[in-house]
Amino acid sequence: MKAELQRVLDWADKKLATGAEPPWAWYQYAKLREAVEEVIACLEATAPQMEGVPQVRTHHCGLRLVVSNGVGTITATGK
């Protein structure tokens, strides 16, 4: 599962890096990238740990709501 999520993340990164996407699509790729990064981080935070080794959770696993209020304006809520 993590490998497939990483593949989607790489694909979205390539789309964002080209700069050839229209503004509405760029925001969708950016939101996809953020969501996939959060899912991967949560998977890593909840992965089975070696017995006897305590895990310290340092990453907050939660998605943020991002609203596009027009071209070039983004409002983020949460976190």
Protein backbone atom coordinates (compact mmCIF):
# COMPACT_ATOMS: atom_id res chain seq x y z
CA MET A 1 0.00 0.00 0.00
CA LYS A 2 2.75 2.45 0.91
CA ALA A 3 4.51 1.80 -2.42
CA GLU A 4 1.33 2.63 -4.34
CA LEU A 5 0.81 5.80 -2.30
CA GLN A 6 4.42 6.79 -2.98
CA ARG A 7 3.82 6.22 -6.70
CA VAL A 8 0.78 8.55 -6.60
CA LEU A 9 2.83 11.13 -4.66
CA ASP A 10 5.62 10.98 -7.25
CA TRP A 11 3.09 11.37 -10.08
CA ALA A 12 1.51 14.42 -8.43
CA ASP A 13 4.98 15.92 -7.83
CA LYS A 14 5.81 15.54 -11.52
CA LYS A 15 2.55 17.20 -12.52
CA LEU A 16 3.24 20.12 -10.16
CA ALA A 17 6.86 20.46 -11.28
CA THR A 18 6.04 20.89 -14.97
CA GLY A 19 4.07 24.08 -14.39
CA ALA A 20 1.97 23.20 -17.43
CA GLU A 21 -1.22 22.50 -15.50
CA PRO A 22 -4.04 25.07 -15.38
CA PRO A 23 -4.53 26.81 -12.00
CA TRP A 24 -7.60 24.75 -11.07
CA ALA A 25 -5.71 21.50 -11.73
CA TRP A 26 -2.60 22.71 -9.88
CA TYR A 27 -4.65 23.17 -6.69
CA GLN A 28 -6.14 19.69 -7.06
CA TYR A 29 -2.67 18.12 -7.42
CA ALA A 30 -1.45 20.11 -4.42
CA LYS A 31 -4.39 18.89 -2.30
CA LEU A 32 -3.82 15.31 -3.49
CA ARG A 33 -0.14 15.55 -2.60
CA GLU A 34 -0.92 16.86 0.89
CA ALA A 35 -3.51 14.14 1.53
CA VAL A 36 -1.21 11.34 0.36
CA GLU A 37 1.66 12.67 2.51
CA GLU A 38 -0.64 12.62 5.57
CA VAL A 39 -1.81 9.07 4.85
CA ILE A 40 1.80 7.87 4.47
CA ALA A 41 2.78 9.61 7.72
CA CYS A 42 -0.13 7.99 9.55
CA LEU A 43 0.75 4.57 8.14
CA GLU A 44 4.32 4.99 9.36
CA ALA A 45 3.15 6.20 12.78
CA THR A 46 0.92 3.16 13.25
CA ALA A 47 3.26 0.53 11.77
CA PRO A 48 3.99 -2.43 14.06
CA GLN A 49 7.01 -1.68 16.20
CA MET A 50 9.74 -3.98 17.42
CA GLU A 51 8.77 -5.62 20.69
CA GLY A 52 10.14 -3.82 23.74
CA VAL A 53 10.94 -0.61 21.85
CA PRO A 54 8.53 2.20 22.71
CA GLN A 55 7.41 4.43 19.87
CA VAL A 56 7.33 8.18 20.26
CA ARG A 57 4.66 9.74 18.09
CA THR A 58 5.79 13.13 16.88
CA HIS A 59 3.62 13.62 13.81
CA HIS A 60 0.03 14.77 13.97
CA CYS A 61 -2.01 12.60 11.61
CA GLY A 62 -4.80 14.77 10.37
CA LEU A 63 -5.80 16.31 7.09
CA ARG A 64 -6.39 20.03 6.71
CA LEU A 65 -9.29 21.46 4.78
CA VAL A 66 -7.97 23.73 2.02
CA VAL A 67 -10.41 25.96 0.18
CA SER A 68 -9.59 27.83 -3.00
CA ASN A 69 -11.26 31.25 -2.95
CA GLY A 70 -10.16 32.11 -6.45
CA VAL A 71 -6.97 31.98 -8.45
CA GLY A 72 -3.98 32.48 -6.18
CA THR A 73 -5.89 32.55 -2.89
CA ILE A 74 -5.94 29.55 -0.56
CA THR A 75 -7.47 29.40 2.90
CA ALA A 76 -6.38 26.55 5.17
CA THR A 77 -8.31 25.50 8.23
CA GLY A 78 -7.40 23.09 10.99
CA LYS A 79 -3.93 22.31 12.35
